[in-house]
Amino acid sequence: MFTQALPIFKSKLGITSTVRDEYLLAILQGIEEELTSIQGIALDETNTAHLMFVVDYAEYRYNNRDNPTLPRHLQWRLHNLMLKGGGASV
């Protein structure tokens, strides 16, 4: 799990308390599982681009629970991650 993701995610949302941490962590974990298990992306905790994609995707999921349409900038970044294999060495 991206240990740095939660504080950045909370900062983007303007949340300073720990009251919603469990819910926010569930969103982050769900995204990481989806990206690795379903999309086949090898996420790297040391890769800032991967970290920021997970945070931006989590922010979208948090703010758009009823809107299933992924914004174009996230689609583009997701496709690039899939094409590169998620940064895995080959």
PDB file of N, CA and C in Angstrom:
ATOM      1  N   MET A   1       0.834  -1.194   0.000  1.00  0.00           N
ATOM      2  CA  MET A   1       0.000   0.000   0.000  1.00  0.00           C
ATOM      3  C   MET A   1       0.868   1.241   0.000  1.00  0.00           C
ATOM      4  N   PHE A   2       0.399   2.241  -0.670  1.00  0.00           N
ATOM      5  CA  PHE A   2       1.077   3.520  -0.721  1.00  0.00           C
ATOM      6  C   PHE A   2       0.899   4.223   0.620  1.00  0.00           C
ATOM      7  N   THR A   3       1.912   4.201   1.462  1.00  0.00           N
ATOM      8  CA  THR A   3       1.799   4.800   2.791  1.00  0.00           C
ATOM      9  C   THR A   3       1.685   6.318   2.727  1.00  0.00           C
ATOM     10  N   GLN A   4       2.253   6.922   1.694  1.00  0.00           N
ATOM     11  CA  GLN A   4       2.181   8.376   1.550  1.00  0.00           C
ATOM     12  C   GLN A   4       0.870   8.844   0.935  1.00  0.00           C
ATOM     13  N   ALA A   5       0.067   7.946   0.402  1.00  0.00           N
ATOM     14  CA  ALA A   5      -1.133   8.334  -0.339  1.00  0.00           C
ATOM     15  C   ALA A   5      -2.201   8.967   0.548  1.00  0.00           C
ATOM     16  N   LEU A   6      -2.416   8.433   1.732  1.00  0.00           N
ATOM     17  CA  LEU A   6      -3.495   8.945   2.580  1.00  0.00           C
ATOM     18  C   LEU A   6      -3.301  10.412   2.945  1.00  0.00           C
ATOM     19  N   PRO A   7      -2.131  10.851   3.424  1.00  0.00           N
ATOM     20  CA  PRO A   7      -1.989  12.269   3.755  1.00  0.00           C
ATOM     21  C   PRO A   7      -2.158  13.196   2.546  1.00  0.00           C
ATOM     22  N   ILE A   8      -1.687  12.769   1.387  1.00  0.00           N
ATOM     23  CA  ILE A   8      -1.833  13.588   0.181  1.00  0.00           C
ATOM     24  C   ILE A   8      -3.303  13.637  -0.240  1.00  0.00           C
ATOM     25  N   PHE A   9      -3.969  12.496  -0.192  1.00  0.00           N
ATOM     26  CA  PHE A   9      -5.393  12.398  -0.520  1.00  0.00           C
ATOM     27  C   PHE A   9      -6.206  13.310   0.398  1.00  0.00           C
ATOM     28  N   LYS A  10      -5.949  13.230   1.696  1.00  0.00           N
ATOM     29  CA  LYS A  10      -6.666  14.071   2.655  1.00  0.00           C
ATOM     30  C   LYS A  10      -6.382  15.548   2.412  1.00  0.00           C
ATOM     31  N   SER A  11      -5.167  15.877   2.059  1.00  0.00           N
ATOM     32  CA  SER A  11      -4.802  17.263   1.776  1.00  0.00           C
ATOM     33  C   SER A  11      -5.557  17.792   0.568  1.00  0.00           C
ATOM     34  N   LYS A  12      -5.655  16.969  -0.487  1.00  0.00           N
ATOM     35  CA  LYS A  12      -6.409  17.382  -1.684  1.00  0.00           C
ATOM     36  C   LYS A  12      -7.876  17.628  -1.376  1.00  0.00           C
ATOM     37  N   LEU A  13      -8.409  16.859  -0.429  1.00  0.00           N
ATOM     38  CA  LEU A  13      -9.815  16.995  -0.059  1.00  0.00           C
ATOM     39  C   LEU A  13     -10.037  18.074   1.002  1.00  0.00           C
ATOM     40  N   GLY A  14      -8.955  18.553   1.608  1.00  0.00           N
ATOM     41  CA  GLY A  14      -9.078  19.553   2.659  1.00  0.00           C
ATOM     42  C   GLY A  14      -9.522  18.955   3.983  1.00  0.00           C
ATOM     43  N   ILE A  15      -9.232  17.678   4.201  1.00  0.00           N
ATOM     44  CA  ILE A  15      -9.623  16.994   5.430  1.00  0.00           C
ATOM     45  C   ILE A  15      -8.419  16.960   6.372  1.00  0.00           C
ATOM     46  N   THR A  16      -8.622  17.417   7.612  1.00  0.00           N
ATOM     47  CA  THR A  16      -7.524  17.422   8.577  1.00  0.00           C
ATOM     48  C   THR A  16      -7.742  16.449   9.727  1.00  0.00           C
ATOM     49  N   SER A  17      -8.971  16.007   9.944  1.00  0.00           N
ATOM     50  CA  SER A  17      -9.235  15.079  11.045  1.00  0.00           C
ATOM     51  C   SER A  17      -9.034  13.640  10.576  1.00  0.00           C
ATOM     52  N   THR A  18      -9.098  12.728  11.532  1.00  0.00           N
ATOM     53  CA  THR A  18      -8.926  11.306  11.216  1.00  0.00           C
ATOM     54  C   THR A  18     -10.256  10.562  11.169  1.00  0.00           C
ATOM     55  N   VAL A  19     -11.349  11.286  11.268  1.00  0.00           N
ATOM     56  CA  VAL A  19     -12.680  10.669  11.346  1.00  0.00           C
ATOM     57  C   VAL A  19     -12.990   9.823  10.110  1.00  0.00           C
ATOM     58  N   ARG A  20     -12.598  10.259   8.930  1.00  0.00           N
ATOM     59  CA  ARG A  20     -12.937   9.549   7.684  1.00  0.00           C
ATOM     60  C   ARG A  20     -11.799   8.666   7.171  1.00  0.00           C
ATOM     61  N   ASP A  21     -10.749   8.510   7.964  1.00  0.00           N
ATOM     62  CA  ASP A  21      -9.583   7.746   7.511  1.00  0.00           C
ATOM     63  C   ASP A  21      -9.927   6.332   7.058  1.00  0.00           C
ATOM     64  N   GLU A  22     -10.781   5.643   7.786  1.00  0.00           N
ATOM     65  CA  GLU A  22     -11.125   4.272   7.420  1.00  0.00           C
ATOM     66  C   GLU A  22     -11.771   4.218   6.028  1.00  0.00           C
ATOM     67  N   TYR A  23     -12.682   5.141   5.767  1.00  0.00           N
ATOM     68  CA  TYR A  23     -13.348   5.207   4.465  1.00  0.00           C
ATOM     69  C   TYR A  23     -12.356   5.589   3.359  1.00  0.00           C
ATOM     70  N   LEU A  24     -11.515   6.571   3.629  1.00  0.00           N
ATOM     71  CA  LEU A  24     -10.528   7.014   2.642  1.00  0.00           C
ATOM     72  C   LEU A  24      -9.522   5.907   2.335  1.00  0.00           C
ATOM     73  N   LEU A  25      -9.098   5.176   3.364  1.00  0.00           N
ATOM     74  CA  LEU A  25      -8.186   4.049   3.147  1.00  0.00           C
ATOM     75  C   LEU A  25      -8.843   2.951   2.317  1.00  0.00           C
ATOM     76  N   ALA A  26     -10.129   2.723   2.537  1.00  0.00           N
ATOM     77  CA  ALA A  26     -10.848   1.714   1.749  1.00  0.00           C
ATOM     78  C   ALA A  26     -10.879   2.108   0.277  1.00  0.00           C
ATOM     79  N   ILE A  27     -11.074   3.388  -0.004  1.00  0.00           N
ATOM     80  CA  ILE A  27     -11.053   3.861  -1.396  1.00  0.00           C
ATOM     81  C   ILE A  27      -9.673   3.624  -2.001  1.00  0.00           C
ATOM     82  N   LEU A  28      -8.622   4.015  -1.282  1.00  0.00           N
ATOM     83  CA  LEU A  28      -7.256   3.834  -1.784  1.00  0.00           C
ATOM     84  C   LEU A  28      -6.929   2.362  -2.009  1.00  0.00           C
ATOM     85  N   GLN A  29      -7.285   1.510  -1.070  1.00  0.00           N
ATOM     86  CA  GLN A  29      -7.007   0.077  -1.206  1.00  0.00           C
ATOM     87  C   GLN A  29      -7.789  -0.534  -2.359  1.00  0.00           C
ATOM     88  N   GLY A  30      -9.037  -0.111  -2.526  1.00  0.00           N
ATOM     89  CA  GLY A  30      -9.836  -0.614  -3.640  1.00  0.00           C
ATOM     90  C   GLY A  30      -9.241  -0.241  -4.984  1.00  0.00           C
ATOM     91  N   ILE A  31      -8.760   0.975  -5.084  1.00  0.00           N
ATOM     92  CA  ILE A  31      -8.133   1.428  -6.334  1.00  0.00           C
ATOM     93  C   ILE A  31      -6.857   0.652  -6.602  1.00  0.00           C
ATOM     94  N   GLU A  32      -6.030   0.476  -5.578  1.00  0.00           N
ATOM     95  CA  GLU A  32      -4.787  -0.276  -5.760  1.00  0.00           C
ATOM     96  C   GLU A  32      -5.070  -1.718  -6.185  1.00  0.00           C
ATOM     97  N   GLU A  33      -6.049  -2.355  -5.550  1.00  0.00           N
ATOM     98  CA  GLU A  33      -6.400  -3.726  -5.933  1.00  0.00           C
ATOM     99  C   GLU A  33      -6.915  -3.788  -7.365  1.00  0.00           C
ATOM    100  N   GLU A  34      -7.759  -2.818  -7.728  1.00  0.00           N
ATOM    101  CA  GLU A  34      -8.297  -2.782  -9.088  1.00  0.00           C
ATOM    102  C   GLU A  34      -7.177  -2.610 -10.108  1.00  0.00           C
ATOM    103  N   LEU A  35      -6.257  -1.704  -9.847  1.00  0.00           N
ATOM    104  CA  LEU A  35      -5.181  -1.440 -10.798  1.00  0.00           C
ATOM    105  C   LEU A  35      -4.243  -2.632 -10.938  1.00  0.00           C
ATOM    106  N   THR A  36      -3.951  -3.312  -9.830  1.00  0.00           N
ATOM    107  CA  THR A  36      -3.018  -4.431  -9.909  1.00  0.00           C
ATOM    108  C   THR A  36      -3.695  -5.721 -10.367  1.00  0.00           C
ATOM    109  N   SER A  37      -4.860  -6.030  -9.800  1.00  0.00           N
ATOM    110  CA  SER A  37      -5.515  -7.307 -10.108  1.00  0.00           C
ATOM    111  C   SER A  37      -6.270  -7.299 -11.431  1.00  0.00           C
ATOM    112  N   ILE A  38      -6.996  -6.230 -11.697  1.00  0.00           N
ATOM    113  CA  ILE A  38      -7.835  -6.189 -12.894  1.00  0.00           C
ATOM    114  C   ILE A  38      -7.095  -5.605 -14.093  1.00  0.00           C
ATOM    115  N   GLN A  39      -6.437  -4.467 -13.874  1.00  0.00           N
ATOM    116  CA  GLN A  39      -5.754  -3.791 -14.978  1.00  0.00           C
ATOM    117  C   GLN A  39      -4.358  -4.354 -15.248  1.00  0.00           C
ATOM    118  N   GLY A  40      -3.794  -5.082 -14.288  1.00  0.00           N
ATOM    119  CA  GLY A  40      -2.481  -5.690 -14.471  1.00  0.00           C
ATOM    120  C   GLY A  40      -1.322  -4.709 -14.397  1.00  0.00           C
ATOM    121  N   ILE A  41      -1.507  -3.626 -13.681  1.00  0.00           N
ATOM    122  CA  ILE A  41      -0.458  -2.610 -13.565  1.00  0.00           C
ATOM    123  C   ILE A  41       0.386  -2.906 -12.338  1.00  0.00           C
ATOM    124  N   ALA A  42       1.701  -2.929 -12.527  1.00  0.00           N
ATOM    125  CA  ALA A  42       2.626  -3.143 -11.418  1.00  0.00           C
ATOM    126  C   ALA A  42       2.943  -1.794 -10.786  1.00  0.00           C
ATOM    127  N   LEU A  43       2.214  -1.455  -9.740  1.00  0.00           N
ATOM    128  CA  LEU A  43       2.416  -0.169  -9.077  1.00  0.00           C
ATOM    129  C   LEU A  43       3.713  -0.184  -8.273  1.00  0.00           C
ATOM    130  N   ASP A  44       4.398   0.944  -8.287  1.00  0.00           N
ATOM    131  CA  ASP A  44       5.659   1.099  -7.582  1.00  0.00           C
ATOM    132  C   ASP A  44       5.516   2.251  -6.596  1.00  0.00           C
ATOM    133  N   GLU A  45       5.668   1.960  -5.298  1.00  0.00           N
ATOM    134  CA  GLU A  45       5.514   2.983  -4.263  1.00  0.00           C
ATOM    135  C   GLU A  45       6.504   4.126  -4.403  1.00  0.00           C
ATOM    136  N   THR A  46       7.650   3.866  -5.011  1.00  0.00           N
ATOM    137  CA  THR A  46       8.665   4.915  -5.137  1.00  0.00           C
ATOM    138  C   THR A  46       8.455   5.789  -6.369  1.00  0.00           C
ATOM    139  N   ASN A  47       7.517   5.417  -7.222  1.00  0.00           N
ATOM    140  CA  ASN A  47       7.246   6.175  -8.436  1.00  0.00           C
ATOM    141  C   ASN A  47       6.202   7.250  -8.136  1.00  0.00           C
ATOM    142  N   THR A  48       6.617   8.504  -8.197  1.00  0.00           N
ATOM    143  CA  THR A  48       5.727   9.621  -7.879  1.00  0.00           C
ATOM    144  C   THR A  48       4.535   9.681  -8.828  1.00  0.00           C
ATOM    145  N   ALA A  49       4.724   9.349 -10.084  1.00  0.00           N
ATOM    146  CA  ALA A  49       3.619   9.360 -11.046  1.00  0.00           C
ATOM    147  C   ALA A  49       2.553   8.345 -10.654  1.00  0.00           C
ATOM    148  N   HIS A  50       2.966   7.169 -10.176  1.00  0.00           N
ATOM    149  CA  HIS A  50       2.015   6.154  -9.730  1.00  0.00           C
ATOM    150  C   HIS A  50       1.271   6.641  -8.489  1.00  0.00           C
ATOM    151  N   LEU A  51       2.002   7.207  -7.548  1.00  0.00           N
ATOM    152  CA  LEU A  51       1.392   7.727  -6.325  1.00  0.00           C
ATOM    153  C   LEU A  51       0.345   8.789  -6.645  1.00  0.00           C
ATOM    154  N   MET A  52       0.692   9.741  -7.485  1.00  0.00           N
ATOM    155  CA  MET A  52      -0.237  10.823  -7.796  1.00  0.00           C
ATOM    156  C   MET A  52      -1.425  10.331  -8.613  1.00  0.00           C
ATOM    157  N   PHE A  53      -1.220   9.319  -9.462  1.00  0.00           N
ATOM    158  CA  PHE A  53      -2.360   8.763 -10.188  1.00  0.00           C
ATOM    159  C   PHE A  53      -3.348   8.128  -9.211  1.00  0.00           C
ATOM    160  N   VAL A  54      -2.842   7.345  -8.256  1.00  0.00           N
ATOM    161  CA  VAL A  54      -3.712   6.705  -7.263  1.00  0.00           C
ATOM    162  C   VAL A  54      -4.454   7.767  -6.459  1.00  0.00           C
ATOM    163  N   VAL A  55      -3.764   8.826  -6.048  1.00  0.00           N
ATOM    164  CA  VAL A  55      -4.404   9.899  -5.273  1.00  0.00           C
ATOM    165  C   VAL A  55      -5.450  10.622  -6.114  1.00  0.00           C
ATOM    166  N   ASP A  56      -5.125  10.962  -7.352  1.00  0.00           N
ATOM    167  CA  ASP A  56      -6.075  11.670  -8.216  1.00  0.00           C
ATOM    168  C   ASP A  56      -7.295  10.800  -8.528  1.00  0.00           C
ATOM    169  N   TYR A  57      -7.071   9.519  -8.753  1.00  0.00           N
ATOM    170  CA  TYR A  57      -8.160   8.590  -9.019  1.00  0.00           C
ATOM    171  C   TYR A  57      -9.046   8.451  -7.783  1.00  0.00           C
ATOM    172  N   ALA A  58      -8.421   8.384  -6.615  1.00  0.00           N
ATOM    173  CA  ALA A  58      -9.173   8.295  -5.363  1.00  0.00           C
ATOM    174  C   ALA A  58      -9.998   9.557  -5.131  1.00  0.00           C
ATOM    175  N   GLU A  59      -9.428  10.713  -5.439  1.00  0.00           N
ATOM    176  CA  GLU A  59     -10.171  11.963  -5.294  1.00  0.00           C
ATOM    177  C   GLU A  59     -11.393  11.962  -6.211  1.00  0.00           C
ATOM    178  N   TYR A  60     -11.216  11.502  -7.442  1.00  0.00           N
ATOM    179  CA  TYR A  60     -12.338  11.403  -8.374  1.00  0.00           C
ATOM    180  C   TYR A  60     -13.420  10.480  -7.805  1.00  0.00           C
ATOM    181  N   ARG A  61     -13.007   9.306  -7.322  1.00  0.00           N
ATOM    182  CA  ARG A  61     -13.975   8.351  -6.769  1.00  0.00           C
ATOM    183  C   ARG A  61     -14.713   8.934  -5.562  1.00  0.00           C
ATOM    184  N   TYR A  62     -14.012   9.644  -4.712  1.00  0.00           N
ATOM    185  CA  TYR A  62     -14.618  10.226  -3.521  1.00  0.00           C
ATOM    186  C   TYR A  62     -15.642  11.297  -3.890  1.00  0.00           C
ATOM    187  N   ASN A  63     -15.297  12.152  -4.827  1.00  0.00           N
ATOM    188  CA  ASN A  63     -16.150  13.284  -5.180  1.00  0.00           C
ATOM    189  C   ASN A  63     -17.230  12.956  -6.210  1.00  0.00           C
ATOM    190  N   ASN A  64     -17.148  11.815  -6.876  1.00  0.00           N
ATOM    191  CA  ASN A  64     -18.083  11.478  -7.961  1.00  0.00           C
ATOM    192  C   ASN A  64     -18.678  10.092  -7.783  1.00  0.00           C
ATOM    193  N   ARG A  65     -19.238   9.840  -6.635  1.00  0.00           N
ATOM    194  CA  ARG A  65     -19.793   8.514  -6.349  1.00  0.00           C
ATOM    195  C   ARG A  65     -20.897   8.123  -7.332  1.00  0.00           C
ATOM    196  N   ASP A  66     -21.642   9.097  -7.815  1.00  0.00           N
ATOM    197  CA  ASP A  66     -22.777   8.791  -8.690  1.00  0.00           C
ATOM    198  C   ASP A  66     -22.474   8.983 -10.172  1.00  0.00           C
ATOM    199  N   ASN A  67     -21.254   9.341 -10.513  1.00  0.00           N
ATOM    200  CA  ASN A  67     -20.891   9.603 -11.906  1.00  0.00           C
ATOM    201  C   ASN A  67     -19.877   8.549 -12.359  1.00  0.00           C
ATOM    202  N   PRO A  68     -20.296   7.565 -13.148  1.00  0.00           N
ATOM    203  CA  PRO A  68     -19.384   6.493 -13.544  1.00  0.00           C
ATOM    204  C   PRO A  68     -18.409   6.873 -14.667  1.00  0.00           C
ATOM    205  N   THR A  69     -18.552   8.056 -15.258  1.00  0.00           N
ATOM    206  CA  THR A  69     -17.707   8.444 -16.378  1.00  0.00           C
ATOM    207  C   THR A  69     -16.364   8.969 -15.880  1.00  0.00           C
ATOM    208  N   LEU A  70     -15.309   8.261 -16.222  1.00  0.00           N
ATOM    209  CA  LEU A  70     -13.962   8.655 -15.821  1.00  0.00           C
ATOM    210  C   LEU A  70     -13.524   9.860 -16.642  1.00  0.00           C
ATOM    211  N   PRO A  71     -13.000  10.903 -15.987  1.00  0.00           N
ATOM    212  CA  PRO A  71     -12.547  12.080 -16.737  1.00  0.00           C
ATOM    213  C   PRO A  71     -11.440  11.719 -17.728  1.00  0.00           C
ATOM    214  N   ARG A  72     -11.379  12.465 -18.788  1.00  0.00           N
ATOM    215  CA  ARG A  72     -10.440  12.174 -19.879  1.00  0.00           C
ATOM    216  C   ARG A  72      -8.986  12.161 -19.401  1.00  0.00           C
ATOM    217  N   HIS A  73      -8.606  13.076 -18.524  1.00  0.00           N
ATOM    218  CA  HIS A  73      -7.211  13.110 -18.077  1.00  0.00           C
ATOM    219  C   HIS A  73      -6.845  11.851 -17.282  1.00  0.00           C
ATOM    220  N   LEU A  74      -7.790  11.296 -16.523  1.00  0.00           N
ATOM    221  CA  LEU A  74      -7.522  10.050 -15.803  1.00  0.00           C
ATOM    222  C   LEU A  74      -7.500   8.864 -16.760  1.00  0.00           C
ATOM    223  N   GLN A  75      -8.382   8.868 -17.765  1.00  0.00           N
ATOM    224  CA  GLN A  75      -8.364   7.804 -18.786  1.00  0.00           C
ATOM    225  C   GLN A  75      -7.019   7.776 -19.495  1.00  0.00           C
ATOM    226  N   TRP A  76      -6.535   8.941 -19.866  1.00  0.00           N
ATOM    227  CA  TRP A  76      -5.269   9.042 -20.589  1.00  0.00           C
ATOM    228  C   TRP A  76      -4.124   8.509 -19.735  1.00  0.00           C
ATOM    229  N   ARG A  77      -4.089   8.902 -18.469  1.00  0.00           N
ATOM    230  CA  ARG A  77      -3.022   8.446 -17.579  1.00  0.00           C
ATOM    231  C   ARG A  77      -3.114   6.944 -17.325  1.00  0.00           C
ATOM    232  N   LEU A  78      -4.336   6.424 -17.168  1.00  0.00           N
ATOM    233  CA  LEU A  78      -4.522   4.994 -16.962  1.00  0.00           C
ATOM    234  C   LEU A  78      -4.042   4.203 -18.175  1.00  0.00           C
ATOM    235  N   HIS A  79      -4.403   4.651 -19.361  1.00  0.00           N
ATOM    236  CA  HIS A  79      -3.950   3.969 -20.578  1.00  0.00           C
ATOM    237  C   HIS A  79      -2.435   3.985 -20.696  1.00  0.00           C
ATOM    238  N   ASN A  80      -1.818   5.104 -20.361  1.00  0.00           N
ATOM    239  CA  ASN A  80      -0.357   5.172 -20.402  1.00  0.00           C
ATOM    240  C   ASN A  80       0.270   4.208 -19.403  1.00  0.00           C
ATOM    241  N   LEU A  81      -0.307   4.098 -18.213  1.00  0.00           N
ATOM    242  CA  LEU A  81       0.207   3.138 -17.231  1.00  0.00           C
ATOM    243  C   LEU A  81       0.069   1.707 -17.740  1.00  0.00           C
ATOM    244  N   MET A  82      -1.064   1.398 -18.362  1.00  0.00           N
ATOM    245  CA  MET A  82      -1.273   0.041 -18.878  1.00  0.00           C
ATOM    246  C   MET A  82      -0.307  -0.255 -20.028  1.00  0.00           C
ATOM    247  N   LEU A  83      -0.073   0.727 -20.895  1.00  0.00           N
ATOM    248  CA  LEU A  83       0.831   0.515 -22.028  1.00  0.00           C
ATOM    249  C   LEU A  83       2.270   0.295 -21.558  1.00  0.00           C
ATOM    250  N   LYS A  84       2.649   0.998 -20.512  1.00  0.00           N
ATOM    251  CA  LYS A  84       4.002   0.852 -19.993  1.00  0.00           C
ATOM    252  C   LYS A  84       4.126  -0.348 -19.056  1.00  0.00           C
ATOM    253  N   GLY A  85       3.029  -1.048 -18.827  1.00  0.00           N
ATOM    254  CA  GLY A  85       3.063  -2.168 -17.901  1.00  0.00           C
ATOM    255  C   GLY A  85       3.138  -1.720 -16.464  1.00  0.00           C
ATOM    256  N   GLY A  86       2.787  -0.485 -16.231  1.00  0.00           N
ATOM    257  CA  GLY A  86       2.804   0.028 -14.877  1.00  0.00           C
ATOM    258  C   GLY A  86       4.190   0.324 -14.366  1.00  0.00           C
ATOM    259  N   GLY A  87       5.163   0.359 -15.262  1.00  0.00           N
ATOM    260  CA  GLY A  87       6.518   0.676 -14.844  1.00  0.00           C
ATOM    261  C   GLY A  87       7.328  -0.553 -14.468  1.00  0.00           C
ATOM    262  N   ALA A  88       6.787  -1.728 -14.688  1.00  0.00           N
ATOM    263  CA  ALA A  88       7.514  -2.950 -14.354  1.00  0.00           C
ATOM    264  C   ALA A  88       8.704  -3.109 -15.285  1.00  0.00           C
ATOM    265  N   SER A  89       9.795  -3.588 -14.745  1.00  0.00           N
ATOM    266  CA  SER A  89      10.989  -3.822 -15.562  1.00  0.00           C
ATOM    267  C   SER A  89      10.789  -5.055 -16.408  1.00  0.00           C
ATOM    268  N   VAL A  90      11.197  -4.957 -17.669  1.00  0.00           N
ATOM    269  CA  VAL A  90      11.085  -6.113 -18.571  1.00  0.00           C
ATOM    270  C   VAL A  90      12.432  -6.486 -19.108  1.00  0.00           C
TER     271      VAL A  90
END
